[in-house]
Amino acid sequence: MLITLIIAGFVAVAVAAFYPEVVRHRSLCSQLAEEKGLLAHEELTKARRTREVHLLKTDSEYVEIIARDRIGVMKEGETIYRLDSPAPAIQQAGAN
C-alpha cells in the first residue's frame, strides 16, 4: 500500500510538472494554425496583385478597361451597366 502511494505521489508530481507545458503546446498549435491561415490569405492577395501588375505592364486592353472604368468614360456606342451592392441596413439602438 505504501509503495502504491509513493508511486501515485510521483505520478502526481510528474503531471503537475508537465501540465503547463501541455497547455502551452496546445495554445501554440492553435496560434500556428491561425498564422498559417493568415499566411495563406496573404499569399493569395500577393498572387492577385502580382497578376494585376503583370497585366498592367503587358496588356494594353486591360489598362484601357481599368482606366475607362475608373474615370467613367465609355466608347461610342457602348452601354455600361453597373451592379452596385445594396447599402447595409443601419440598425438603430433601441429600435426594438
PDB file of N, CA and C in Angstrom:
ATOM      1  N   MET A   1       0.831  -1.189   0.000  1.00  0.00           N
ATOM      2  CA  MET A   1       0.000   0.000   0.000  1.00  0.00           C
ATOM      3  C   MET A   1       0.879   1.258   0.000  1.00  0.00           C
ATOM      4  N   LEU A   2       1.936   1.241   0.778  1.00  0.00           N
ATOM      5  CA  LEU A   2       2.838   2.381   0.857  1.00  0.00           C
ATOM      6  C   LEU A   2       3.529   2.621  -0.491  1.00  0.00           C
ATOM      7  N   ILE A   3       3.907   1.546  -1.147  1.00  0.00           N
ATOM      8  CA  ILE A   3       4.554   1.668  -2.467  1.00  0.00           C
ATOM      9  C   ILE A   3       3.580   2.280  -3.467  1.00  0.00           C
ATOM     10  N   THR A   4       2.309   1.897  -3.408  1.00  0.00           N
ATOM     11  CA  THR A   4       1.292   2.451  -4.298  1.00  0.00           C
ATOM     12  C   THR A   4       1.128   3.947  -4.049  1.00  0.00           C
ATOM     13  N   LEU A   5       1.121   4.369  -2.818  1.00  0.00           N
ATOM     14  CA  LEU A   5       1.005   5.795  -2.508  1.00  0.00           C
ATOM     15  C   LEU A   5       2.234   6.579  -2.962  1.00  0.00           C
ATOM     16  N   ILE A   6       3.411   5.990  -2.824  1.00  0.00           N
ATOM     17  CA  ILE A   6       4.633   6.654  -3.289  1.00  0.00           C
ATOM     18  C   ILE A   6       4.617   6.808  -4.805  1.00  0.00           C
ATOM     19  N   ILE A   7       4.196   5.750  -5.516  1.00  0.00           N
ATOM     20  CA  ILE A   7       4.113   5.817  -6.983  1.00  0.00           C
ATOM     21  C   ILE A   7       3.065   6.847  -7.396  1.00  0.00           C
ATOM     22  N   ALA A   8       1.923   6.862  -6.715  1.00  0.00           N
ATOM     23  CA  ALA A   8       0.881   7.845  -7.026  1.00  0.00           C
ATOM     24  C   ALA A   8       1.391   9.257  -6.774  1.00  0.00           C
ATOM     25  N   GLY A   9       2.188   9.461  -5.755  1.00  0.00           N
ATOM     26  CA  GLY A   9       2.775  10.776  -5.470  1.00  0.00           C
ATOM     27  C   GLY A   9       3.726  11.214  -6.576  1.00  0.00           C
ATOM     28  N   PHE A  10       4.570  10.277  -7.045  1.00  0.00           N
ATOM     29  CA  PHE A  10       5.480  10.610  -8.151  1.00  0.00           C
ATOM     30  C   PHE A  10       4.709  10.942  -9.440  1.00  0.00           C
ATOM     31  N   VAL A  11       3.654  10.188  -9.674  1.00  0.00           N
ATOM     32  CA  VAL A  11       2.823  10.456 -10.862  1.00  0.00           C
ATOM     33  C   VAL A  11       2.174  11.832 -10.741  1.00  0.00           C
ATOM     34  N   ALA A  12       1.676  12.173  -9.560  1.00  0.00           N
ATOM     35  CA  ALA A  12       1.047  13.479  -9.359  1.00  0.00           C
ATOM     36  C   ALA A  12       2.051  14.607  -9.567  1.00  0.00           C
ATOM     37  N   VAL A  13       3.272  14.430  -9.078  1.00  0.00           N
ATOM     38  CA  VAL A  13       4.310  15.452  -9.263  1.00  0.00           C
ATOM     39  C   VAL A  13       4.663  15.578 -10.744  1.00  0.00           C
ATOM     40  N   ALA A  14       4.764  14.451 -11.446  1.00  0.00           N
ATOM     41  CA  ALA A  14       5.095  14.481 -12.876  1.00  0.00           C
ATOM     42  C   ALA A  14       3.992  15.176 -13.670  1.00  0.00           C
ATOM     43  N   VAL A  15       2.747  14.864 -13.351  1.00  0.00           N
ATOM     44  CA  VAL A  15       1.619  15.509 -14.048  1.00  0.00           C
ATOM     45  C   VAL A  15       1.620  17.002 -13.761  1.00  0.00           C
ATOM     46  N   ALA A  16       1.841  17.393 -12.525  1.00  0.00           N
ATOM     47  CA  ALA A  16       1.868  18.814 -12.159  1.00  0.00           C
ATOM     48  C   ALA A  16       3.019  19.536 -12.854  1.00  0.00           C
ATOM     49  N   ALA A  17       4.116  18.831 -13.088  1.00  0.00           N
ATOM     50  CA  ALA A  17       5.272  19.466 -13.734  1.00  0.00           C
ATOM     51  C   ALA A  17       5.046  19.652 -15.233  1.00  0.00           C
ATOM     52  N   PHE A  18       4.372  18.694 -15.878  1.00  0.00           N
ATOM     53  CA  PHE A  18       4.242  18.748 -17.327  1.00  0.00           C
ATOM     54  C   PHE A  18       2.923  19.344 -17.821  1.00  0.00           C
ATOM     55  N   TYR A  19       1.932  19.495 -16.974  1.00  0.00           N
ATOM     56  CA  TYR A  19       0.641  20.035 -17.406  1.00  0.00           C
ATOM     57  C   TYR A  19       0.749  21.437 -18.015  1.00  0.00           C
ATOM     58  N   PRO A  20       1.489  22.375 -17.410  1.00  0.00           N
ATOM     59  CA  PRO A  20       1.597  23.708 -18.035  1.00  0.00           C
ATOM     60  C   PRO A  20       2.221  23.646 -19.435  1.00  0.00           C
ATOM     61  N   GLU A  21       3.150  22.730 -19.643  1.00  0.00           N
ATOM     62  CA  GLU A  21       3.763  22.603 -20.965  1.00  0.00           C
ATOM     63  C   GLU A  21       2.773  22.051 -21.989  1.00  0.00           C
ATOM     64  N   VAL A  22       1.909  21.153 -21.562  1.00  0.00           N
ATOM     65  CA  VAL A  22       0.887  20.607 -22.460  1.00  0.00           C
ATOM     66  C   VAL A  22      -0.088  21.713 -22.858  1.00  0.00           C
ATOM     67  N   VAL A  23      -0.501  22.515 -21.902  1.00  0.00           N
ATOM     68  CA  VAL A  23      -1.409  23.631 -22.181  1.00  0.00           C
ATOM     69  C   VAL A  23      -0.729  24.625 -23.121  1.00  0.00           C
ATOM     70  N   ARG A  24       0.530  24.925 -22.872  1.00  0.00           N
ATOM     71  CA  ARG A  24       1.287  25.857 -23.722  1.00  0.00           C
ATOM     72  C   ARG A  24       1.417  25.301 -25.137  1.00  0.00           C
ATOM     73  N   HIS A  25       1.658  23.997 -25.249  1.00  0.00           N
ATOM     74  CA  HIS A  25       1.787  23.362 -26.562  1.00  0.00           C
ATOM     75  C   HIS A  25       0.491  23.481 -27.353  1.00  0.00           C
ATOM     76  N   ARG A  26      -0.638  23.231 -26.704  1.00  0.00           N
ATOM     77  CA  ARG A  26      -1.941  23.355 -27.380  1.00  0.00           C
ATOM     78  C   ARG A  26      -2.186  24.791 -27.826  1.00  0.00           C
ATOM     79  N   SER A  27      -1.835  25.735 -26.971  1.00  0.00           N
ATOM     80  CA  SER A  27      -2.006  27.141 -27.313  1.00  0.00           C
ATOM     81  C   SER A  27      -1.148  27.520 -28.519  1.00  0.00           C
ATOM     82  N   LEU A  28       0.086  27.064 -28.526  1.00  0.00           N
ATOM     83  CA  LEU A  28       0.980  27.360 -29.652  1.00  0.00           C
ATOM     84  C   LEU A  28       0.502  26.699 -30.941  1.00  0.00           C
ATOM     85  N   CYS A  29      -0.056  25.502 -30.840  1.00  0.00           N
ATOM     86  CA  CYS A  29      -0.576  24.822 -32.031  1.00  0.00           C
ATOM     87  C   CYS A  29      -1.758  25.586 -32.627  1.00  0.00           C
ATOM     88  N   SER A  30      -2.652  26.076 -31.776  1.00  0.00           N
ATOM     89  CA  SER A  30      -3.785  26.844 -32.297  1.00  0.00           C
ATOM     90  C   SER A  30      -3.320  28.171 -32.887  1.00  0.00           C
ATOM     91  N   GLN A  31      -2.337  28.793 -32.257  1.00  0.00           N
ATOM     92  CA  GLN A  31      -1.790  30.040 -32.783  1.00  0.00           C
ATOM     93  C   GLN A  31      -1.109  29.799 -34.126  1.00  0.00           C
ATOM     94  N   LEU A  32      -0.408  28.685 -34.260  1.00  0.00           N
ATOM     95  CA  LEU A  32       0.247  28.332 -35.520  1.00  0.00           C
ATOM     96  C   LEU A  32      -0.780  28.123 -36.628  1.00  0.00           C
ATOM     97  N   ALA A  33      -1.892  27.468 -36.306  1.00  0.00           N
ATOM     98  CA  ALA A  33      -2.943  27.259 -37.295  1.00  0.00           C
ATOM     99  C   ALA A  33      -3.518  28.592 -37.767  1.00  0.00           C
ATOM    100  N   GLU A  34      -3.724  29.526 -36.841  1.00  0.00           N
ATOM    101  CA  GLU A  34      -4.232  30.853 -37.217  1.00  0.00           C
ATOM    102  C   GLU A  34      -3.240  31.581 -38.111  1.00  0.00           C
ATOM    103  N   GLU A  35      -1.973  31.505 -37.768  1.00  0.00           N
ATOM    104  CA  GLU A  35      -0.935  32.179 -38.556  1.00  0.00           C
ATOM    105  C   GLU A  35      -0.824  31.568 -39.951  1.00  0.00           C
ATOM    106  N   LYS A  36      -0.980  30.253 -40.061  1.00  0.00           N
ATOM    107  CA  LYS A  36      -0.938  29.603 -41.371  1.00  0.00           C
ATOM    108  C   LYS A  36      -2.105  30.065 -42.237  1.00  0.00           C
ATOM    109  N   GLY A  37      -3.278  30.211 -41.627  1.00  0.00           N
ATOM    110  CA  GLY A  37      -4.431  30.716 -42.360  1.00  0.00           C
ATOM    111  C   GLY A  37      -4.202  32.134 -42.847  1.00  0.00           C
ATOM    112  N   LEU A  38      -3.632  32.970 -41.992  1.00  0.00           N
ATOM    113  CA  LEU A  38      -3.322  34.346 -42.369  1.00  0.00           C
ATOM    114  C   LEU A  38      -2.283  34.384 -43.484  1.00  0.00           C
ATOM    115  N   LEU A  39      -1.282  33.523 -43.388  1.00  0.00           N
ATOM    116  CA  LEU A  39      -0.252  33.449 -44.419  1.00  0.00           C
ATOM    117  C   LEU A  39      -0.843  33.037 -45.757  1.00  0.00           C
ATOM    118  N   ALA A  40      -1.731  32.055 -45.753  1.00  0.00           N
ATOM    119  CA  ALA A  40      -2.367  31.611 -46.997  1.00  0.00           C
ATOM    120  C   ALA A  40      -3.176  32.744 -47.618  1.00  0.00           C
ATOM    121  N   HIS A  41      -3.887  33.496 -46.775  1.00  0.00           N
ATOM    122  CA  HIS A  41      -4.673  34.636 -47.279  1.00  0.00           C
ATOM    123  C   HIS A  41      -3.751  35.700 -47.890  1.00  0.00           C
ATOM    124  N   GLU A  42      -2.658  35.997 -47.216  1.00  0.00           N
ATOM    125  CA  GLU A  42      -1.717  37.000 -47.719  1.00  0.00           C
ATOM    126  C   GLU A  42      -1.046  36.538 -49.014  1.00  0.00           C
ATOM    127  N   GLU A  43      -0.742  35.240 -49.126  1.00  0.00           N
ATOM    128  CA  GLU A  43      -0.146  34.728 -50.357  1.00  0.00           C
ATOM    129  C   GLU A  43      -1.126  34.824 -51.516  1.00  0.00           C
ATOM    130  N   LEU A  44      -2.406  34.584 -51.247  1.00  0.00           N
ATOM    131  CA  LEU A  44      -3.428  34.720 -52.285  1.00  0.00           C
ATOM    132  C   LEU A  44      -3.537  36.174 -52.734  1.00  0.00           C
ATOM    133  N   THR A  45      -3.517  37.100 -51.781  1.00  0.00           N
ATOM    134  CA  THR A  45      -3.560  38.526 -52.106  1.00  0.00           C
ATOM    135  C   THR A  45      -2.338  38.924 -52.924  1.00  0.00           C
ATOM    136  N   LYS A  46      -1.182  38.423 -52.550  1.00  0.00           N
ATOM    137  CA  LYS A  46       0.051  38.715 -53.289  1.00  0.00           C
ATOM    138  C   LYS A  46      -0.033  38.192 -54.716  1.00  0.00           C
ATOM    139  N   ALA A  47      -0.560  36.989 -54.892  1.00  0.00           N
ATOM    140  CA  ALA A  47      -0.685  36.409 -56.233  1.00  0.00           C
ATOM    141  C   ALA A  47      -1.627  37.244 -57.093  1.00  0.00           C
ATOM    142  N   ARG A  48      -2.735  37.695 -56.528  1.00  0.00           N
ATOM    143  CA  ARG A  48      -3.675  38.536 -57.282  1.00  0.00           C
ATOM    144  C   ARG A  48      -3.015  39.850 -57.703  1.00  0.00           C
ATOM    145  N   ARG A  49      -2.307  40.450 -56.775  1.00  0.00           N
ATOM    146  CA  ARG A  49      -1.665  41.733 -57.088  1.00  0.00           C
ATOM    147  C   ARG A  49      -0.525  41.566 -58.086  1.00  0.00           C
ATOM    148  N   THR A  50       0.207  40.471 -57.976  1.00  0.00           N
ATOM    149  CA  THR A  50       1.273  40.198 -58.935  1.00  0.00           C
ATOM    150  C   THR A  50       0.682  40.022 -60.329  1.00  0.00           C
ATOM    151  N   ARG A  51      -0.440  39.312 -60.405  1.00  0.00           N
ATOM    152  CA  ARG A  51      -1.119  39.128 -61.698  1.00  0.00           C
ATOM    153  C   ARG A  51      -1.585  40.467 -62.256  1.00  0.00           C
ATOM    154  N   GLU A  52      -2.143  41.310 -61.401  1.00  0.00           N
ATOM    155  CA  GLU A  52      -2.618  42.615 -61.861  1.00  0.00           C
ATOM    156  C   GLU A  52      -1.455  43.478 -62.347  1.00  0.00           C
ATOM    157  N   VAL A  53      -0.326  43.461 -61.636  1.00  0.00           N
ATOM    158  CA  VAL A  53       0.850  44.220 -62.076  1.00  0.00           C
ATOM    159  C   VAL A  53       1.321  43.710 -63.427  1.00  0.00           C
ATOM    160  N   HIS A  54       1.335  42.386 -63.586  1.00  0.00           N
ATOM    161  CA  HIS A  54       1.757  41.814 -64.872  1.00  0.00           C
ATOM    162  C   HIS A  54       0.827  42.271 -65.997  1.00  0.00           C
ATOM    163  N   LEU A  55      -0.480  42.240 -65.740  1.00  0.00           N
ATOM    164  CA  LEU A  55      -1.441  42.681 -66.754  1.00  0.00           C
ATOM    165  C   LEU A  55      -1.284  44.168 -67.058  1.00  0.00           C
ATOM    166  N   LEU A  56      -1.057  44.967 -66.030  1.00  0.00           N
ATOM    167  CA  LEU A  56      -0.883  46.404 -66.257  1.00  0.00           C
ATOM    168  C   LEU A  56       0.371  46.695 -67.082  1.00  0.00           C
ATOM    169  N   LYS A  57       1.405  45.875 -66.919  1.00  0.00           N
ATOM    170  CA  LYS A  57       2.644  46.101 -67.664  1.00  0.00           C
ATOM    171  C   LYS A  57       2.578  45.565 -69.092  1.00  0.00           C
ATOM    172  N   THR A  58       1.791  44.506 -69.316  1.00  0.00           N
ATOM    173  CA  THR A  58       1.854  43.836 -70.618  1.00  0.00           C
ATOM    174  C   THR A  58       0.590  43.922 -71.457  1.00  0.00           C
ATOM    175  N   ASP A  59      -0.565  44.123 -70.858  1.00  0.00           N
ATOM    176  CA  ASP A  59      -1.827  44.059 -71.594  1.00  0.00           C
ATOM    177  C   ASP A  59      -2.436  45.453 -71.729  1.00  0.00           C
ATOM    178  N   SER A  60      -2.339  46.011 -72.914  1.00  0.00           N
ATOM    179  CA  SER A  60      -2.857  47.368 -73.124  1.00  0.00           C
ATOM    180  C   SER A  60      -4.383  47.409 -73.055  1.00  0.00           C
ATOM    181  N   GLU A  61      -5.065  46.341 -73.449  1.00  0.00           N
ATOM    182  CA  GLU A  61      -6.520  46.310 -73.347  1.00  0.00           C
ATOM    183  C   GLU A  61      -6.961  46.365 -71.881  1.00  0.00           C
ATOM    184  N   TYR A  62      -6.251  45.651 -71.028  1.00  0.00           N
ATOM    185  CA  TYR A  62      -6.574  45.657 -69.602  1.00  0.00           C
ATOM    186  C   TYR A  62      -6.384  47.056 -69.025  1.00  0.00           C
ATOM    187  N   VAL A  63      -5.301  47.710 -69.394  1.00  0.00           N
ATOM    188  CA  VAL A  63      -5.039  49.069 -68.918  1.00  0.00           C
ATOM    189  C   VAL A  63      -6.153  49.998 -69.384  1.00  0.00           C
ATOM    190  N   GLU A  64      -6.592  49.845 -70.621  1.00  0.00           N
ATOM    191  CA  GLU A  64      -7.669  50.678 -71.160  1.00  0.00           C
ATOM    192  C   GLU A  64      -8.967  50.451 -70.385  1.00  0.00           C
ATOM    193  N   ILE A  65      -9.283  49.199 -70.116  1.00  0.00           N
ATOM    194  CA  ILE A  65     -10.517  48.879 -69.392  1.00  0.00           C
ATOM    195  C   ILE A  65     -10.473  49.460 -67.977  1.00  0.00           C
ATOM    196  N   ILE A  66      -9.373  49.301 -67.303  1.00  0.00           N
ATOM    197  CA  ILE A  66      -9.241  49.826 -65.940  1.00  0.00           C
ATOM    198  C   ILE A  66      -9.322  51.347 -65.938  1.00  0.00           C
ATOM    199  N   ALA A  67      -8.627  51.974 -66.877  1.00  0.00           N
ATOM    200  CA  ALA A  67      -8.631  53.441 -66.933  1.00  0.00           C
ATOM    201  C   ALA A  67     -10.030  53.971 -67.233  1.00  0.00           C
ATOM    202  N   ARG A  68     -10.717  53.356 -68.196  1.00  0.00           N
ATOM    203  CA  ARG A  68     -12.069  53.822 -68.530  1.00  0.00           C
ATOM    204  C   ARG A  68     -13.027  53.593 -67.370  1.00  0.00           C
ATOM    205  N   ASP A  69     -12.852  52.499 -66.655  1.00  0.00           N
ATOM    206  CA  ASP A  69     -13.724  52.217 -65.517  1.00  0.00           C
ATOM    207  C   ASP A  69     -13.520  53.241 -64.400  1.00  0.00           C
ATOM    208  N   ARG A  70     -12.284  53.584 -64.131  1.00  0.00           N
ATOM    209  CA  ARG A  70     -12.002  54.496 -63.013  1.00  0.00           C
ATOM    210  C   ARG A  70     -12.420  55.930 -63.304  1.00  0.00           C
ATOM    211  N   ILE A  71     -12.309  56.377 -64.539  1.00  0.00           N
ATOM    212  CA  ILE A  71     -12.695  57.763 -64.819  1.00  0.00           C
ATOM    213  C   ILE A  71     -14.101  57.862 -65.395  1.00  0.00           C
ATOM    214  N   GLY A  72     -14.748  56.721 -65.635  1.00  0.00           N
ATOM    215  CA  GLY A  72     -16.138  56.724 -66.053  1.00  0.00           C
ATOM    216  C   GLY A  72     -16.357  57.103 -67.502  1.00  0.00           C
ATOM    217  N   VAL A  73     -15.441  56.769 -68.373  1.00  0.00           N
ATOM    218  CA  VAL A  73     -15.562  57.091 -69.793  1.00  0.00           C
ATOM    219  C   VAL A  73     -15.982  55.834 -70.539  1.00  0.00           C
ATOM    220  N   MET A  74     -16.841  56.007 -71.545  1.00  0.00           N
ATOM    221  CA  MET A  74     -17.231  54.852 -72.354  1.00  0.00           C
ATOM    222  C   MET A  74     -16.981  55.147 -73.826  1.00  0.00           C
ATOM    223  N   LYS A  75     -16.836  54.068 -74.586  1.00  0.00           N
ATOM    224  CA  LYS A  75     -16.623  54.202 -76.022  1.00  0.00           C
ATOM    225  C   LYS A  75     -17.938  54.559 -76.704  1.00  0.00           C
ATOM    226  N   GLU A  76     -17.834  55.048 -77.921  1.00  0.00           N
ATOM    227  CA  GLU A  76     -19.021  55.400 -78.685  1.00  0.00           C
ATOM    228  C   GLU A  76     -19.820  54.137 -78.985  1.00  0.00           C
ATOM    229  N   GLY A  77     -21.126  54.163 -78.681  1.00  0.00           N
ATOM    230  CA  GLY A  77     -21.992  53.021 -78.920  1.00  0.00           C
ATOM    231  C   GLY A  77     -21.935  51.969 -77.823  1.00  0.00           C
ATOM    232  N   GLU A  78     -21.201  52.241 -76.782  1.00  0.00           N
ATOM    233  CA  GLU A  78     -21.061  51.277 -75.689  1.00  0.00           C
ATOM    234  C   GLU A  78     -22.038  51.625 -74.574  1.00  0.00           C
ATOM    235  N   THR A  79     -22.625  50.616 -73.953  1.00  0.00           N
ATOM    236  CA  THR A  79     -23.526  50.815 -72.826  1.00  0.00           C
ATOM    237  C   THR A  79     -22.901  50.145 -71.615  1.00  0.00           C
ATOM    238  N   ILE A  80     -22.844  50.868 -70.513  1.00  0.00           N
ATOM    239  CA  ILE A  80     -22.242  50.344 -69.300  1.00  0.00           C
ATOM    240  C   ILE A  80     -23.338  50.085 -68.275  1.00  0.00           C
ATOM    241  N   TYR A  81     -23.322  48.893 -67.726  1.00  0.00           N
ATOM    242  CA  TYR A  81     -24.248  48.528 -66.658  1.00  0.00           C
ATOM    243  C   TYR A  81     -23.438  48.334 -65.390  1.00  0.00           C
ATOM    244  N   ARG A  82     -23.808  49.035 -64.336  1.00  0.00           N
ATOM    245  CA  ARG A  82     -23.117  48.908 -63.053  1.00  0.00           C
ATOM    246  C   ARG A  82     -24.049  48.204 -62.068  1.00  0.00           C
ATOM    247  N   LEU A  83     -23.520  47.199 -61.441  1.00  0.00           N
ATOM    248  CA  LEU A  83     -24.272  46.468 -60.433  1.00  0.00           C
ATOM    249  C   LEU A  83     -23.637  46.757 -59.080  1.00  0.00           C
ATOM    250  N   ASP A  84     -24.232  47.682 -58.359  1.00  0.00           N
ATOM    251  CA  ASP A  84     -23.721  48.049 -57.040  1.00  0.00           C
ATOM    252  C   ASP A  84     -24.416  47.196 -55.993  1.00  0.00           C
ATOM    253  N   SER A  85     -23.667  46.804 -54.990  1.00  0.00           N
ATOM    254  CA  SER A  85     -24.266  46.034 -53.898  1.00  0.00           C
ATOM    255  C   SER A  85     -25.110  46.985 -53.048  1.00  0.00           C
ATOM    256  N   PRO A  86     -26.201  46.494 -52.488  1.00  0.00           N
ATOM    257  CA  PRO A  86     -27.047  47.370 -51.661  1.00  0.00           C
ATOM    258  C   PRO A  86     -26.315  47.790 -50.410  1.00  0.00           C
ATOM    259  N   ALA A  87     -26.624  48.999 -49.958  1.00  0.00           N
ATOM    260  CA  ALA A  87     -26.004  49.520 -48.733  1.00  0.00           C
ATOM    261  C   ALA A  87     -26.510  48.727 -47.545  1.00  0.00           C
ATOM    262  N   PRO A  88     -25.637  48.416 -46.591  1.00  0.00           N
ATOM    263  CA  PRO A  88     -26.090  47.655 -45.413  1.00  0.00           C
ATOM    264  C   PRO A  88     -27.065  48.477 -44.585  1.00  0.00           C
ATOM    265  N   ALA A  89     -28.060  47.797 -44.049  1.00  0.00           N
ATOM    266  CA  ALA A  89     -29.069  48.468 -43.229  1.00  0.00           C
ATOM    267  C   ALA A  89     -28.426  48.911 -41.913  1.00  0.00           C
ATOM    268  N   ILE A  90     -28.728  50.129 -41.511  1.00  0.00           N
ATOM    269  CA  ILE A  90     -28.198  50.669 -40.265  1.00  0.00           C
ATOM    270  C   ILE A  90     -29.198  50.359 -39.157  1.00  0.00           C
ATOM    271  N   GLN A  91     -28.715  49.683 -38.144  1.00  0.00           N
ATOM    272  CA  GLN A  91     -29.578  49.340 -37.021  1.00  0.00           C
ATOM    273  C   GLN A  91     -29.494  50.439 -35.982  1.00  0.00           C
ATOM    274  N   GLN A  92     -30.643  50.896 -35.547  1.00  0.00           N
ATOM    275  CA  GLN A  92     -30.680  51.948 -34.549  1.00  0.00           C
ATOM    276  C   GLN A  92     -30.829  51.314 -33.179  1.00  0.00           C
ATOM    277  N   ALA A  93     -30.117  51.864 -32.206  1.00  0.00           N
ATOM    278  CA  ALA A  93     -30.197  51.361 -30.844  1.00  0.00           C
ATOM    279  C   ALA A  93     -31.576  51.672 -30.275  1.00  0.00           C
ATOM    280  N   GLY A  94     -32.180  50.686 -29.649  1.00  0.00           N
ATOM    281  CA  GLY A  94     -33.488  50.878 -29.035  1.00  0.00           C
ATOM    282  C   GLY A  94     -34.630  50.836 -30.016  1.00  0.00           C
ATOM    283  N   ALA A  95     -34.410  50.367 -31.250  1.00  0.00           N
ATOM    284  CA  ALA A  95     -35.464  50.333 -32.236  1.00  0.00           C
ATOM    285  C   ALA A  95     -36.450  49.211 -31.949  1.00  0.00           C
ATOM    286  N   ASN A  96     -36.047  48.225 -31.169  1.00  0.00           N
ATOM    287  CA  ASN A  96     -36.915  47.098 -30.893  1.00  0.00           C
ATOM    288  C   ASN A  96     -37.873  47.446 -29.827  1.00  0.00           C
TER     289      ASN A  96
END
